[in-house]
Amino acid sequence: MLRLKNFVIAIMVSFAALAPAWATNLVMVSQPGCHWCETWEMVIGPIYPKTDIAEFAPLIHADLRQGPPEGITYARRVNFTPTFILIQDGVELARIEGYLGEDLFWMQLEKMMLDKTDFRPNSTQ
């Protein structure tokens, strides 16, 4: 019995080492036909995965009409698309409603990340 208990503990420790202590994501809530969603996808979509922010908070796409992805809770209903929701451990920390251009988006996103998480930009870039 002791061997089995030690084996189970060893497996649990191994899996715990693989998983981060917390998970941070950026959820983009959109809907079909949303002009601003399509614009974001064309302008920011190709760039986002290459950023420090994406490494820290990978992007998850969600459809407005389908509600939050499994395991994620929004603080309140999403009414506008696109809406970008910063999630940590499945819970909303902050959001950006709408997309009014590349410069404003990056400024809002970085401020949200710095204010609500322990994200710090890579200073070597």
C-alpha atoms as a PDB file:
ATOM      1  CA  MET A   1       0.000   0.000   0.000  1.00  0.00           C
ATOM      2  CA  LEU A   2       2.844   2.373   0.823  1.00  0.00           C
ATOM      3  CA  ARG A   3       4.397   1.738  -2.615  1.00  0.00           C
ATOM      4  CA  LEU A   4       1.131   2.631  -4.338  1.00  0.00           C
ATOM      5  CA  LYS A   5       0.809   5.804  -2.283  1.00  0.00           C
ATOM      6  CA  ASN A   6       4.385   6.833  -3.138  1.00  0.00           C
ATOM      7  CA  PHE A   7       3.753   6.069  -6.815  1.00  0.00           C
ATOM      8  CA  VAL A   8       0.618   8.229  -6.864  1.00  0.00           C
ATOM      9  CA  ILE A   9       2.449  11.075  -5.117  1.00  0.00           C
ATOM     10  CA  ALA A  10       5.306  10.840  -7.631  1.00  0.00           C
ATOM     11  CA  ILE A  11       2.857  11.023 -10.552  1.00  0.00           C
ATOM     12  CA  MET A  12       1.079  14.025  -9.031  1.00  0.00           C
ATOM     13  CA  VAL A  13       4.364  15.862  -8.480  1.00  0.00           C
ATOM     14  CA  SER A  14       5.432  15.135 -12.064  1.00  0.00           C
ATOM     15  CA  PHE A  15       2.233  16.586 -13.504  1.00  0.00           C
ATOM     16  CA  ALA A  16       2.374  19.584 -11.183  1.00  0.00           C
ATOM     17  CA  ALA A  17       5.879  20.356 -12.436  1.00  0.00           C
ATOM     18  CA  LEU A  18       4.600  20.430 -16.030  1.00  0.00           C
ATOM     19  CA  ALA A  19       1.736  22.838 -15.351  1.00  0.00           C
ATOM     20  CA  PRO A  20       2.327  26.510 -14.553  1.00  0.00           C
ATOM     21  CA  ALA A  21       1.271  27.766 -11.146  1.00  0.00           C
ATOM     22  CA  TRP A  22      -1.391  29.816 -12.952  1.00  0.00           C
ATOM     23  CA  ALA A  23      -2.587  30.192 -16.495  1.00  0.00           C
ATOM     24  CA  THR A  24      -3.063  33.551 -18.186  1.00  0.00           C
ATOM     25  CA  ASN A  25      -4.857  34.007 -21.488  1.00  0.00           C
ATOM     26  CA  LEU A  26      -6.316  36.764 -23.595  1.00  0.00           C
ATOM     27  CA  VAL A  27      -9.770  35.844 -24.876  1.00  0.00           C
ATOM     28  CA  MET A  28     -10.942  37.619 -28.027  1.00  0.00           C
ATOM     29  CA  VAL A  29     -14.727  37.561 -28.169  1.00  0.00           C
ATOM     30  CA  SER A  30     -16.003  38.136 -31.693  1.00  0.00           C
ATOM     31  CA  GLN A  31     -18.934  37.339 -33.951  1.00  0.00           C
ATOM     32  CA  PRO A  32     -19.397  36.646 -37.654  1.00  0.00           C
ATOM     33  CA  GLY A  33     -19.703  39.803 -39.720  1.00  0.00           C
ATOM     34  CA  CYS A  34     -17.956  42.042 -37.176  1.00  0.00           C
ATOM     35  CA  HIS A  35     -15.973  44.558 -39.249  1.00  0.00           C
ATOM     36  CA  TRP A  36     -13.710  45.559 -36.339  1.00  0.00           C
ATOM     37  CA  CYS A  37     -13.004  41.891 -35.507  1.00  0.00           C
ATOM     38  CA  GLU A  38     -11.938  41.281 -39.107  1.00  0.00           C
ATOM     39  CA  THR A  39      -9.780  44.412 -39.062  1.00  0.00           C
ATOM     40  CA  TRP A  40      -8.095  43.272 -35.835  1.00  0.00           C
ATOM     41  CA  GLU A  41      -7.453  39.847 -37.368  1.00  0.00           C
ATOM     42  CA  MET A  42      -5.802  41.439 -40.431  1.00  0.00           C
ATOM     43  CA  VAL A  43      -3.728  44.036 -38.564  1.00  0.00           C
ATOM     44  CA  ILE A  44      -2.930  42.519 -35.157  1.00  0.00           C
ATOM     45  CA  GLY A  45      -3.661  38.827 -35.719  1.00  0.00           C
ATOM     46  CA  PRO A  46      -0.379  38.035 -37.527  1.00  0.00           C
ATOM     47  CA  ILE A  47       1.698  40.077 -35.043  1.00  0.00           C
ATOM     48  CA  TYR A  48       0.189  38.998 -31.711  1.00  0.00           C
ATOM     49  CA  PRO A  49       1.651  35.449 -31.599  1.00  0.00           C
ATOM     50  CA  LYS A  50       5.164  36.905 -32.030  1.00  0.00           C
ATOM     51  CA  THR A  51       4.973  39.191 -28.970  1.00  0.00           C
ATOM     52  CA  ASP A  52       6.059  38.886 -25.349  1.00  0.00           C
ATOM     53  CA  ILE A  53       2.437  39.381 -24.377  1.00  0.00           C
ATOM     54  CA  ALA A  54       1.344  36.353 -26.425  1.00  0.00           C
ATOM     55  CA  GLU A  55       3.998  34.234 -24.767  1.00  0.00           C
ATOM     56  CA  PHE A  56       2.647  35.294 -21.384  1.00  0.00           C
ATOM     57  CA  ALA A  57      -1.061  35.325 -22.359  1.00  0.00           C
ATOM     58  CA  PRO A  58      -1.825  33.162 -25.405  1.00  0.00           C
ATOM     59  CA  LEU A  59      -4.887  34.181 -27.410  1.00  0.00           C
ATOM     60  CA  ILE A  60      -8.113  32.197 -27.254  1.00  0.00           C
ATOM     61  CA  HIS A  61     -10.925  32.964 -29.702  1.00  0.00           C
ATOM     62  CA  ALA A  62     -14.516  32.856 -28.445  1.00  0.00           C
ATOM     63  CA  ASP A  63     -17.812  33.433 -30.241  1.00  0.00           C
ATOM     64  CA  LEU A  64     -20.110  36.021 -28.664  1.00  0.00           C
ATOM     65  CA  ARG A  65     -23.173  33.805 -29.041  1.00  0.00           C
ATOM     66  CA  GLN A  66     -21.554  30.694 -27.560  1.00  0.00           C
ATOM     67  CA  GLY A  67     -20.516  32.279 -24.272  1.00  0.00           C
ATOM     68  CA  PRO A  68     -17.188  31.825 -22.526  1.00  0.00           C
ATOM     69  CA  PRO A  69     -14.917  28.917 -23.399  1.00  0.00           C
ATOM     70  CA  GLU A  70     -15.058  25.949 -21.052  1.00  0.00           C
ATOM     71  CA  GLY A  71     -13.394  26.670 -17.718  1.00  0.00           C
ATOM     72  CA  ILE A  72     -13.534  30.461 -18.154  1.00  0.00           C
ATOM     73  CA  THR A  73     -15.795  32.890 -16.304  1.00  0.00           C
ATOM     74  CA  TYR A  74     -16.480  36.439 -17.461  1.00  0.00           C
ATOM     75  CA  ALA A  75     -17.100  39.090 -14.793  1.00  0.00           C
ATOM     76  CA  ARG A  76     -20.050  40.406 -16.772  1.00  0.00           C
ATOM     77  CA  ARG A  77     -21.847  39.859 -20.051  1.00  0.00           C
ATOM     78  CA  VAL A  78     -20.009  40.689 -23.271  1.00  0.00           C
ATOM     79  CA  ASN A  79     -22.049  43.181 -25.329  1.00  0.00           C
ATOM     80  CA  PHE A  80     -19.566  44.453 -27.923  1.00  0.00           C
ATOM     81  CA  THR A  81     -17.220  42.798 -30.381  1.00  0.00           C
ATOM     82  CA  PRO A  82     -14.407  42.558 -30.373  1.00  0.00           C
ATOM     83  CA  THR A  83     -13.916  42.376 -26.642  1.00  0.00           C
ATOM     84  CA  PHE A  84     -10.540  41.290 -25.280  1.00  0.00           C
ATOM     85  CA  ILE A  85     -10.723  39.687 -21.841  1.00  0.00           C
ATOM     86  CA  LEU A  86      -7.640  39.075 -19.726  1.00  0.00           C
ATOM     87  CA  ILE A  87      -8.109  35.768 -17.918  1.00  0.00           C
ATOM     88  CA  GLN A  88      -6.065  34.269 -15.104  1.00  0.00           C
ATOM     89  CA  ASP A  89      -6.910  30.884 -13.623  1.00  0.00           C
ATOM     90  CA  GLY A  90     -10.158  30.940 -15.601  1.00  0.00           C
ATOM     91  CA  VAL A  91     -11.376  34.224 -14.122  1.00  0.00           C
ATOM     92  CA  GLU A  92     -11.613  37.642 -15.773  1.00  0.00           C
ATOM     93  CA  LEU A  93      -9.134  40.239 -14.543  1.00  0.00           C
ATOM     94  CA  ALA A  94      -9.841  43.054 -17.009  1.00  0.00           C
ATOM     95  CA  ARG A  95     -11.147  43.745 -20.497  1.00  0.00           C
ATOM     96  CA  ILE A  96     -10.831  45.991 -23.528  1.00  0.00           C
ATOM     97  CA  GLU A  97     -14.096  46.635 -25.334  1.00  0.00           C
ATOM     98  CA  GLY A  98     -13.786  47.424 -29.013  1.00  0.00           C
ATOM     99  CA  TYR A  99     -10.898  47.988 -31.377  1.00  0.00           C
ATOM    100  CA  LEU A 100     -10.103  51.524 -32.518  1.00  0.00           C
ATOM    101  CA  GLY A 101      -6.750  50.938 -34.139  1.00  0.00           C
ATOM    102  CA  GLU A 102      -3.367  49.348 -33.703  1.00  0.00           C
ATOM    103  CA  ASP A 103      -1.653  51.992 -31.547  1.00  0.00           C
ATOM    104  CA  LEU A 104      -4.511  52.323 -29.072  1.00  0.00           C
ATOM    105  CA  PHE A 105      -4.929  48.544 -28.837  1.00  0.00           C
ATOM    106  CA  TRP A 106      -1.266  47.915 -27.959  1.00  0.00           C
ATOM    107  CA  MET A 107      -1.275  50.781 -25.446  1.00  0.00           C
ATOM    108  CA  GLN A 108      -4.451  49.509 -23.731  1.00  0.00           C
ATOM    109  CA  LEU A 109      -3.261  45.904 -23.753  1.00  0.00           C
ATOM    110  CA  GLU A 110       0.149  46.660 -22.281  1.00  0.00           C
ATOM    111  CA  LYS A 111      -1.374  48.866 -19.569  1.00  0.00           C
ATOM    112  CA  MET A 112      -3.887  46.144 -18.702  1.00  0.00           C
ATOM    113  CA  MET A 113      -1.144  43.501 -18.551  1.00  0.00           C
ATOM    114  CA  LEU A 114       1.142  45.640 -16.384  1.00  0.00           C
ATOM    115  CA  ASP A 115      -1.669  46.696 -14.040  1.00  0.00           C
ATOM    116  CA  LYS A 116      -3.319  43.299 -13.583  1.00  0.00           C
ATOM    117  CA  THR A 117      -0.539  40.691 -13.872  1.00  0.00           C
ATOM    118  CA  ASP A 118       3.142  40.237 -13.168  1.00  0.00           C
ATOM    119  CA  PHE A 119       3.919  40.516 -16.907  1.00  0.00           C
ATOM    120  CA  ARG A 120       6.958  42.588 -17.734  1.00  0.00           C
ATOM    121  CA  PRO A 121       8.018  43.243 -21.356  1.00  0.00           C
ATOM    122  CA  ASN A 122      11.208  41.626 -22.549  1.00  0.00           C
ATOM    123  CA  SER A 123      13.744  44.450 -22.363  1.00  0.00           C
ATOM    124  CA  THR A 124      16.062  42.837 -24.928  1.00  0.00           C
ATOM    125  CA  GLN A 125      13.773  43.629 -27.878  1.00  0.00           C
END
